[in-house]
Amino acid sequence: FSCSYLKKEQSSFLWLAPESFNCKKFFETSGLAKKSPTDVKNVFKILDNDQSGYIEEEELQFFLQRFDAEARTLSMNETKKFMQAADGDGDGMIGAE
């Protein structure tokens, strides 16, 4: 599984206007929602830039750029919404599990 796959599948989606990113829609349209746990962990490793085992808010802001270097960064508002949706225990980080 590679980021190039997502870039190809999502090229038009990655260029959405600011404040229009929807993480649920992204995962559905990219096919990530249907990927195996192994594939999801591989994507997680790509997104976990510092390899800490967690995705922090700073890493999440650059989420789209991990799939396409020319994509925009998420706004602070989008990043916070994404974190709230994905941070199951409220510690401000997204774990691999």
Protein backbone atom coordinates (compact mmCIF):
# COMPACT_ATOMS: atom_id res chain seq x y z
CA PHE A 1 0.00 0.00 0.00
CA SER A 2 1.43 3.37 -0.91
CA CYS A 3 0.65 7.06 -0.85
CA SER A 4 0.90 7.12 -4.64
CA TYR A 5 -2.24 4.99 -4.77
CA LEU A 6 -4.15 7.53 -2.69
CA LYS A 7 -2.69 10.43 -4.64
CA LYS A 8 -3.92 8.92 -7.90
CA GLU A 9 -7.34 8.09 -6.50
CA GLN A 10 -7.78 11.39 -4.68
CA SER A 11 -6.03 13.94 -6.87
CA SER A 12 -9.08 16.16 -7.27
CA PHE A 13 -10.17 15.73 -3.65
CA LEU A 14 -6.83 16.93 -2.29
CA TRP A 15 -7.31 20.38 -3.77
CA LEU A 16 -10.49 21.30 -1.97
CA ALA A 17 -10.91 24.85 -0.74
CA PRO A 18 -9.86 25.70 2.82
CA GLU A 19 -12.33 24.71 5.54
CA SER A 20 -13.88 22.06 3.30
CA PHE A 21 -11.91 18.99 4.44
CA ASN A 22 -14.06 16.23 5.92
CA CYS A 23 -12.04 13.36 7.38
CA LYS A 24 -14.94 10.88 7.24
CA LYS A 25 -15.54 11.65 3.56
CA PHE A 26 -11.80 11.41 2.84
CA PHE A 27 -11.54 7.95 4.41
CA GLU A 28 -14.65 6.76 2.56
CA THR A 29 -13.71 8.10 -0.88
CA SER A 30 -10.05 7.10 -0.60
CA GLY A 31 -10.99 3.55 0.30
CA LEU A 32 -9.05 3.71 3.58
CA ALA A 33 -12.21 2.90 5.52
CA LYS A 34 -12.28 -0.52 3.83
CA LYS A 35 -8.58 -1.33 4.06
CA SER A 36 -7.20 -4.14 6.15
CA PRO A 37 -5.80 -3.38 9.61
CA THR A 38 -2.31 -3.98 8.19
CA ASP A 39 -2.84 -1.42 5.42
CA VAL A 40 -4.22 1.10 7.90
CA LYS A 41 -1.16 0.61 10.15
CA ASN A 42 1.11 1.17 7.16
CA VAL A 43 -0.67 4.46 6.39
CA PHE A 44 -0.42 5.38 10.07
CA LYS A 45 3.36 4.88 9.94
CA ILE A 46 3.56 7.24 6.97
CA LEU A 47 1.53 9.89 8.79
CA ASP A 48 3.47 9.49 12.06
CA ASN A 49 6.33 11.66 10.85
CA ASP A 50 8.39 11.47 14.05
CA GLN A 51 7.68 7.73 14.49
CA SER A 52 6.51 8.30 18.07
CA GLY A 53 3.64 5.83 17.73
CA TYR A 54 1.14 8.68 17.81
CA ILE A 55 -0.08 11.31 15.38
CA GLU A 56 -0.03 14.69 17.08
CA GLU A 57 -1.88 17.82 15.98
CA GLU A 58 1.25 19.22 14.29
CA GLU A 59 1.55 16.09 12.13
CA LEU A 60 -2.17 16.04 11.40
CA GLN A 61 -2.05 19.56 9.97
CA PHE A 62 0.12 18.21 7.12
CA PHE A 63 -2.14 15.18 6.56
CA LEU A 64 -2.97 15.93 2.91
CA GLN A 65 0.65 16.71 2.06
CA ARG A 66 1.66 13.20 3.13
CA PHE A 67 -0.38 12.00 0.13
CA ASP A 68 0.53 14.82 -2.26
CA ALA A 69 3.42 17.22 -1.60
CA GLU A 70 1.59 19.99 -3.48
CA ALA A 71 -1.59 19.70 -1.42
CA ARG A 72 -2.57 22.40 1.03
CA THR A 73 -2.16 22.11 4.78
CA LEU A 74 -5.26 21.68 6.88
CA SER A 75 -6.42 24.81 8.65
CA MET A 76 -6.23 24.88 12.44
CA ASN A 77 -10.02 24.49 12.56
CA GLU A 78 -9.92 21.46 10.23
CA THR A 79 -7.03 19.97 12.19
CA LYS A 80 -8.88 20.34 15.50
CA LYS A 81 -12.06 18.79 14.07
CA PHE A 82 -10.04 15.90 12.63
CA MET A 83 -8.29 15.37 15.97
CA GLN A 84 -11.59 15.40 17.87
CA ALA A 85 -13.05 12.81 15.48
CA ALA A 86 -10.04 10.49 15.63
CA ASP A 87 -8.76 10.93 19.21
CA GLY A 88 -10.77 8.30 21.04
CA ASP A 89 -9.35 8.92 24.51
CA GLY A 90 -9.05 12.72 24.34
CA ASP A 91 -5.30 12.85 25.02
CA GLY A 92 -4.58 15.07 22.00
CA MET A 93 -2.93 12.27 20.02
CA ILE A 94 -4.11 9.55 17.66
CA GLY A 95 -2.73 6.11 18.48
CA ALA A 96 -2.14 3.30 16.00
CA GLU A 97 -4.74 1.07 17.61
